[in-house]
Structure formats: structure tokens, C-alpha cells
């Protein structure tokens, strides 16, 4: 059985590890991170050329099942996967970690997009901890007054906010470390995406303790009709039910 995992996440790497040896696993990484954490099994890096390119790859490599375990905000590839799976009749599953849930004391401000998040900022604070990744900084490029602390794995490229300090780092992060970071940089507002997971969740606890407002960008929906698993174990169970897995 040949399984293609559209990966790049912790869940994708874990799934590649736990699948039995009789399953051939190919993990596809987008190539946006300079030094990605490589999963077990075969790895390909780079795009497919849209839905049609992905469909051609599925056929050419005799893929029996497709698992979309990309980042919750990698919306384009998810819809390409749905279209390619429908065209080739390859079973498709979306592996999505659950989103974060607000706790008592949280001051969360939902935003439907990065642009909406940027529009909320002027009334919330002047020293912004921006943890939305390096790819979406253009949405904040016109905000000349706030100062931004931008944390990302790789250095961002323009356009980006004019008053900005970049912190190159990769999770998981500790609660003590997040507390110290907020205090040292005198952060008074945070912006994040609802990525879910434990690796970057301590920043939300630190913000709650400090009484900071947090602008939370809501994740895009999974394409209609695509089944969803919340954990790698659930995804492995889904694969085990497919006819070719036995």
C-alpha cells in the first residue's frame, strides 16, 4: 500500500513513524523552510503544480491513499488535494490537530484573516508579538506606528512592518520562556493563528497571565466532504479500514 502524506507538521511526522512496515510512505514537504525536520520513509520536497499536477503524481506513483497533514492554514494545498483525490478516486483524509479553546481569563479577539487582524491592532496595543509566521507579514506592512516582534523559523522577506525585530526560533516553547519574552519586550498585544497543538500553546498561557489581548486568526475550513482525523493514531486507523491495507 502506497500512502502519500502531505506533511510538514508534527502530526505528519508522527504518522510516518507509526505506520507499519508493509505500508510504503512518501511524505511531501512544500519546501518553505530551509532546514525542515524530515520524517521517516521517502521524502519529496516542492510543489506539484496545482491539483492537476498532484493528480498526475498520484497516478504515476500508484498512490493508494492520500493524507493531507499540512498546517491548518495551508488552505490552497488542501483544496488541491481534494480535487486531485476526486479526479483519481484516491481515498483522502485530512489530519488536523484540534484548534485551541479559550480558558477562563483569556482575552481573545477573533479575526477571519490576517488583514482583519491587522485592522484590529491599532486599538489594542503598540508593542505586538506577531506569531503568524513569515509568509503573511504583508498584511501588517502598512502599520507604521506599532512595534512588532516577529518570531519565525526562517528570516522574513519584504513587505513587512517598518518597525520590526525578528526572532528566529522554532518550537516547542516553554511557559517560562514565553513569560520572559513578553516581559523583556514589553509586549502589550499578541497576534497568532489558531494552529492548535501543544508546541506553541504556552504563549497563550503567558498572555492570559499578563492580561494581554490576543488576536486569534481563525483557521480555514477543510474542503467539503473530506473526512477528518484529529490524531495520527486516528489517521492510521482510517488507513487500516481501507480495502488495500489488508
Protein backbone atom coordinates (compact mmCIF):
# COMPACT_ATOMS: atom_id res chain seq x y z
CA UNK A 1 0.00 0.00 0.00
CA UNK A 2 1.46 3.36 -1.04
CA UNK A 3 0.43 6.34 1.08
CA UNK A 4 1.25 9.93 0.20
CA UNK A 5 1.34 12.24 3.22
CA UNK A 6 1.20 15.95 2.52
CA UNK A 7 3.27 16.90 5.53
CA UNK A 8 5.46 19.40 7.28
CA UNK A 9 3.70 19.14 10.65
CA UNK A 10 4.42 17.26 13.86
CA UNK A 11 1.38 15.09 13.21
CA UNK A 12 2.60 14.19 9.72
CA UNK A 13 6.00 13.10 11.04
CA UNK A 14 4.38 11.05 13.78
CA UNK A 15 2.07 9.33 11.31
CA UNK A 16 5.01 8.39 9.08
CA UNK A 17 6.69 6.84 12.14
CA UNK A 18 3.79 4.70 13.30
CA UNK A 19 2.58 3.23 10.01
CA UNK A 20 3.52 -0.47 9.71
CA UNK A 21 6.41 -1.60 7.55
CA UNK A 22 4.12 -3.09 4.89
CA UNK A 23 2.92 0.43 4.08
CA UNK A 24 5.10 2.44 1.73
CA UNK A 25 5.11 6.04 2.92
CA UNK A 26 6.06 9.08 0.86
CA UNK A 27 5.97 12.42 2.66
CA UNK A 28 5.75 15.59 0.60
CA UNK A 29 7.10 18.85 2.03
CA UNK A 30 6.38 22.23 0.49
CA UNK A 31 9.98 23.40 0.81
CA UNK A 32 9.22 26.71 2.50
CA UNK A 33 11.53 26.02 5.44
CA UNK A 34 15.26 25.99 4.74
CA UNK A 35 16.06 23.08 7.06
CA UNK A 36 12.87 21.06 7.60
CA UNK A 37 12.56 18.23 10.09
CA UNK A 38 12.48 15.18 7.86
CA UNK A 39 10.03 12.35 8.55
CA UNK A 40 10.63 8.62 8.32
CA UNK A 41 10.33 7.00 4.91
CA UNK A 42 10.63 8.52 1.46
CA UNK A 43 10.55 12.31 1.17
CA UNK A 44 9.89 14.65 -1.74
CA UNK A 45 10.25 18.42 -1.49
CA UNK A 46 8.47 21.02 -3.61
CA UNK A 47 5.09 21.71 -5.13
CA UNK A 48 3.13 19.56 -7.56
CA UNK A 49 1.92 22.24 -9.94
CA UNK A 50 -1.64 22.56 -8.69
CA UNK A 51 -4.41 19.99 -8.46
CA UNK A 52 -3.73 18.54 -11.90
CA UNK A 53 -0.05 18.09 -11.14
CA UNK A 54 -0.89 16.33 -7.90
CA UNK A 55 -3.36 14.06 -9.71
CA UNK A 56 -0.68 13.13 -12.24
CA UNK A 57 1.73 12.33 -9.40
CA UNK A 58 -0.84 10.11 -7.69
CA UNK A 59 -1.34 8.14 -10.88
CA UNK A 60 2.34 7.93 -11.83
CA UNK A 61 3.34 6.63 -8.41
CA UNK A 62 0.37 4.30 -7.85
CA UNK A 63 -0.76 6.03 -4.67
CA UNK A 64 -3.48 4.13 -2.82
CA UNK A 65 -4.32 6.73 -0.16
CA UNK A 66 -3.71 10.43 0.32
CA UNK A 67 -3.46 12.10 3.73
CA UNK A 68 -3.48 15.88 3.96
CA UNK A 69 -1.49 16.51 7.14
CA UNK A 70 -0.41 20.02 6.21
CA UNK A 71 -0.57 23.03 8.51
CA UNK A 72 -4.16 24.05 9.37
CA UNK A 73 -3.57 27.31 7.47
CA UNK A 74 -2.15 25.74 4.30
CA UNK A 75 -5.55 26.08 2.68
CA UNK A 76 -4.60 26.02 -1.01
CA UNK A 77 -2.93 22.61 -0.98
CA UNK A 78 -5.90 21.15 0.91
CA UNK A 79 -8.29 22.11 -1.88
CA UNK A 80 -5.81 20.88 -4.49
CA UNK A 81 -5.68 17.57 -2.63
CA UNK A 82 -9.47 17.31 -2.61
CA UNK A 83 -9.68 18.00 -6.34
CA UNK A 84 -6.86 15.55 -7.16
CA UNK A 85 -8.34 12.82 -4.99
CA UNK A 86 -11.74 13.24 -6.62
CA UNK A 87 -10.22 13.07 -10.10
CA UNK A 88 -8.15 9.95 -9.39
CA UNK A 89 -10.59 8.24 -6.98
CA UNK A 90 -7.85 8.01 -4.35
CA UNK A 91 -9.23 7.98 -0.77
CA UNK A 92 -8.41 11.24 1.04
CA UNK A 93 -8.23 12.06 4.74
CA UNK A 94 -7.42 15.38 6.42
CA UNK A 95 -5.30 15.08 9.57
CA UNK A 96 -5.94 18.23 11.62
CA UNK A 97 -4.92 18.83 15.21
CA UNK A 98 -7.82 20.38 17.18
CA UNK A 99 -7.89 24.15 17.49
CA UNK A 100 -7.20 25.95 20.74
CA UNK A 101 -10.05 26.60 23.18
CA UNK A 102 -10.18 29.79 25.26
CA UNK A 103 -9.82 29.33 29.01
CA UNK A 104 -11.15 31.48 31.81
CA UNK A 105 -9.28 34.76 31.85
CA UNK A 106 -8.36 34.75 28.16
CA UNK A 107 -8.98 37.95 26.20
CA UNK A 108 -9.20 36.62 22.67
CA UNK A 109 -10.28 38.74 19.70
CA UNK A 110 -11.24 36.57 16.71
CA UNK A 111 -10.22 37.62 13.21
CA UNK A 112 -11.26 35.99 9.97
CA UNK A 113 -7.99 36.82 8.20
CA UNK A 114 -4.57 38.40 8.70
CA UNK A 115 -5.92 41.59 7.15
CA UNK A 116 -8.71 41.70 9.74
CA UNK A 117 -6.17 41.05 12.48
CA UNK A 118 -4.10 44.00 11.28
CA UNK A 119 -7.18 46.23 11.32
CA UNK A 120 -7.83 45.35 14.98
CA UNK A 121 -4.34 46.17 16.23
CA UNK A 122 -4.36 49.99 16.45
CA UNK A 123 -6.96 49.91 19.22
CA UNK A 124 -5.32 47.14 21.18
CA UNK A 125 -1.66 47.94 21.71
CA UNK A 126 1.61 49.34 20.39
CA UNK A 127 4.09 46.52 21.09
CA UNK A 128 2.97 43.48 19.15
CA UNK A 129 4.16 39.89 19.44
CA UNK A 130 3.40 38.56 15.94
CA UNK A 131 3.49 34.76 15.74
CA UNK A 132 1.70 34.17 12.45
CA UNK A 133 4.81 33.10 10.51
CA UNK A 134 6.90 34.92 7.95
CA UNK A 135 4.63 34.39 4.94
CA UNK A 136 1.83 36.76 5.95
CA UNK A 137 3.70 39.88 7.07
CA UNK A 138 2.46 41.90 4.10
CA UNK A 139 -0.90 42.23 5.87
CA UNK A 140 0.81 44.31 8.58
CA UNK A 141 3.20 46.27 6.34
CA UNK A 142 1.11 49.46 6.36
CA UNK A 143 1.07 49.74 10.17
CA UNK A 144 3.74 52.35 10.81
CA UNK A 145 3.06 53.09 14.49
CA UNK A 146 3.15 49.71 16.30
CA UNK A 147 6.44 47.94 17.01
CA UNK A 148 6.46 44.26 16.08
CA UNK A 149 8.37 41.31 17.47
CA UNK A 150 8.13 38.69 14.71
CA UNK A 151 9.00 35.09 15.53
CA UNK A 152 9.58 32.67 12.67
CA UNK A 153 11.72 29.70 11.71
CA UNK A 154 13.37 31.49 8.75
CA UNK A 155 14.01 35.18 8.16
CA UNK A 156 11.08 37.04 6.55
CA UNK A 157 11.30 38.98 3.33
CA UNK A 158 9.59 42.30 2.43
CA UNK A 159 6.96 43.58 2.54
CA UNK A 160 6.79 43.71 6.30
CA UNK A 161 6.12 46.29 9.06
CA UNK A 162 8.66 49.12 9.15
CA UNK A 163 9.24 48.85 12.92
CA UNK A 164 10.11 45.22 13.41
CA UNK A 165 12.52 42.93 15.25
CA UNK A 166 12.88 39.34 14.07
CA UNK A 167 13.36 36.42 16.45
CA UNK A 168 14.43 33.25 14.64
CA UNK A 169 13.26 30.28 16.68
CA UNK A 170 11.39 27.02 16.38
CA UNK A 171 9.07 25.42 18.94
CA UNK A 172 8.28 23.76 21.20
CA UNK A 173 8.42 26.71 23.59
CA UNK A 174 8.28 26.70 27.38
CA UNK A 175 5.94 28.72 29.58
CA UNK A 176 8.84 30.28 31.48
CA UNK A 177 10.47 31.25 28.21
CA UNK A 178 7.27 32.86 26.90
CA UNK A 179 6.74 34.77 30.14
CA UNK A 180 10.27 36.14 29.96
CA UNK A 181 9.92 37.09 26.30
CA UNK A 182 6.70 39.05 26.86
CA UNK A 183 8.19 40.89 29.82
CA UNK A 184 11.57 41.63 28.20
CA UNK A 185 9.99 43.13 25.08
CA UNK A 186 7.16 44.86 26.97
CA UNK A 187 4.56 43.21 24.74
CA UNK A 188 1.03 44.57 25.15
CA UNK A 189 -0.81 42.60 22.43
CA UNK A 190 -0.30 39.29 20.66
CA UNK A 191 -1.37 38.06 17.22
CA UNK A 192 -1.49 34.35 16.44
CA UNK A 193 -3.16 31.85 14.18
CA UNK A 194 -5.35 29.13 15.65
CA UNK A 195 -2.82 26.47 14.76
CA UNK A 196 -3.64 24.25 17.74
CA UNK A 197 -1.20 21.81 19.29
CA UNK A 198 1.00 21.94 22.37
CA UNK A 199 4.28 23.14 20.85
CA UNK A 200 3.33 26.83 20.73
CA UNK A 201 0.43 26.91 23.22
CA UNK A 202 2.49 28.26 26.19
CA UNK A 203 2.38 31.75 24.66
CA UNK A 204 -1.39 31.78 25.20
CA UNK A 205 -0.99 30.92 28.88
CA UNK A 206 1.67 33.61 29.26
CA UNK A 207 -0.62 36.16 27.58
CA UNK A 208 -3.51 35.18 29.88
CA UNK A 209 -1.33 35.60 32.96
CA UNK A 210 -0.17 39.01 31.74
CA UNK A 211 -3.72 40.15 30.90
CA UNK A 212 -2.87 40.72 27.24
CA UNK A 213 -5.40 40.78 24.41
CA UNK A 214 -4.72 38.09 21.81
CA UNK A 215 -5.92 38.45 18.24
CA UNK A 216 -6.63 34.90 17.06
CA UNK A 217 -6.89 34.34 13.31
CA UNK A 218 -9.44 31.61 12.65
CA UNK A 219 -8.34 28.62 10.56
CA UNK A 220 -9.85 27.97 7.11
CA UNK A 221 -12.29 25.07 6.75
CA UNK A 222 -11.40 21.62 5.49
CA UNK A 223 -12.77 21.10 1.94
CA UNK A 224 -16.37 19.82 1.99
CA UNK A 225 -16.83 16.08 2.17
CA UNK A 226 -13.28 15.29 3.30
CA UNK A 227 -13.19 13.14 6.47
CA UNK A 228 -11.06 14.48 9.32
CA UNK A 229 -8.86 12.73 11.88
CA UNK A 230 -7.64 14.61 14.96
CA UNK A 231 -4.57 12.47 15.72
CA UNK A 232 -2.03 10.33 13.87
CA UNK A 233 -3.48 7.24 15.56
CA UNK A 234 -6.92 8.08 14.16
CA UNK A 235 -5.40 8.53 10.72
CA UNK A 236 -3.63 5.16 10.98
CA UNK A 237 -6.95 3.58 11.95
CA UNK A 238 -8.60 5.12 8.89
CA UNK A 239 -5.90 3.64 6.67
CA UNK A 240 -6.35 0.22 8.28
CA UNK A 241 -10.01 0.22 7.17
CA UNK A 242 -9.20 0.75 3.50
CA UNK A 243 -9.52 -2.36 1.32
CA UNK A 244 -5.90 -2.30 0.15
CA UNK A 245 -4.49 -2.16 3.69
CA UNK A 246 -5.19 -5.80 4.47
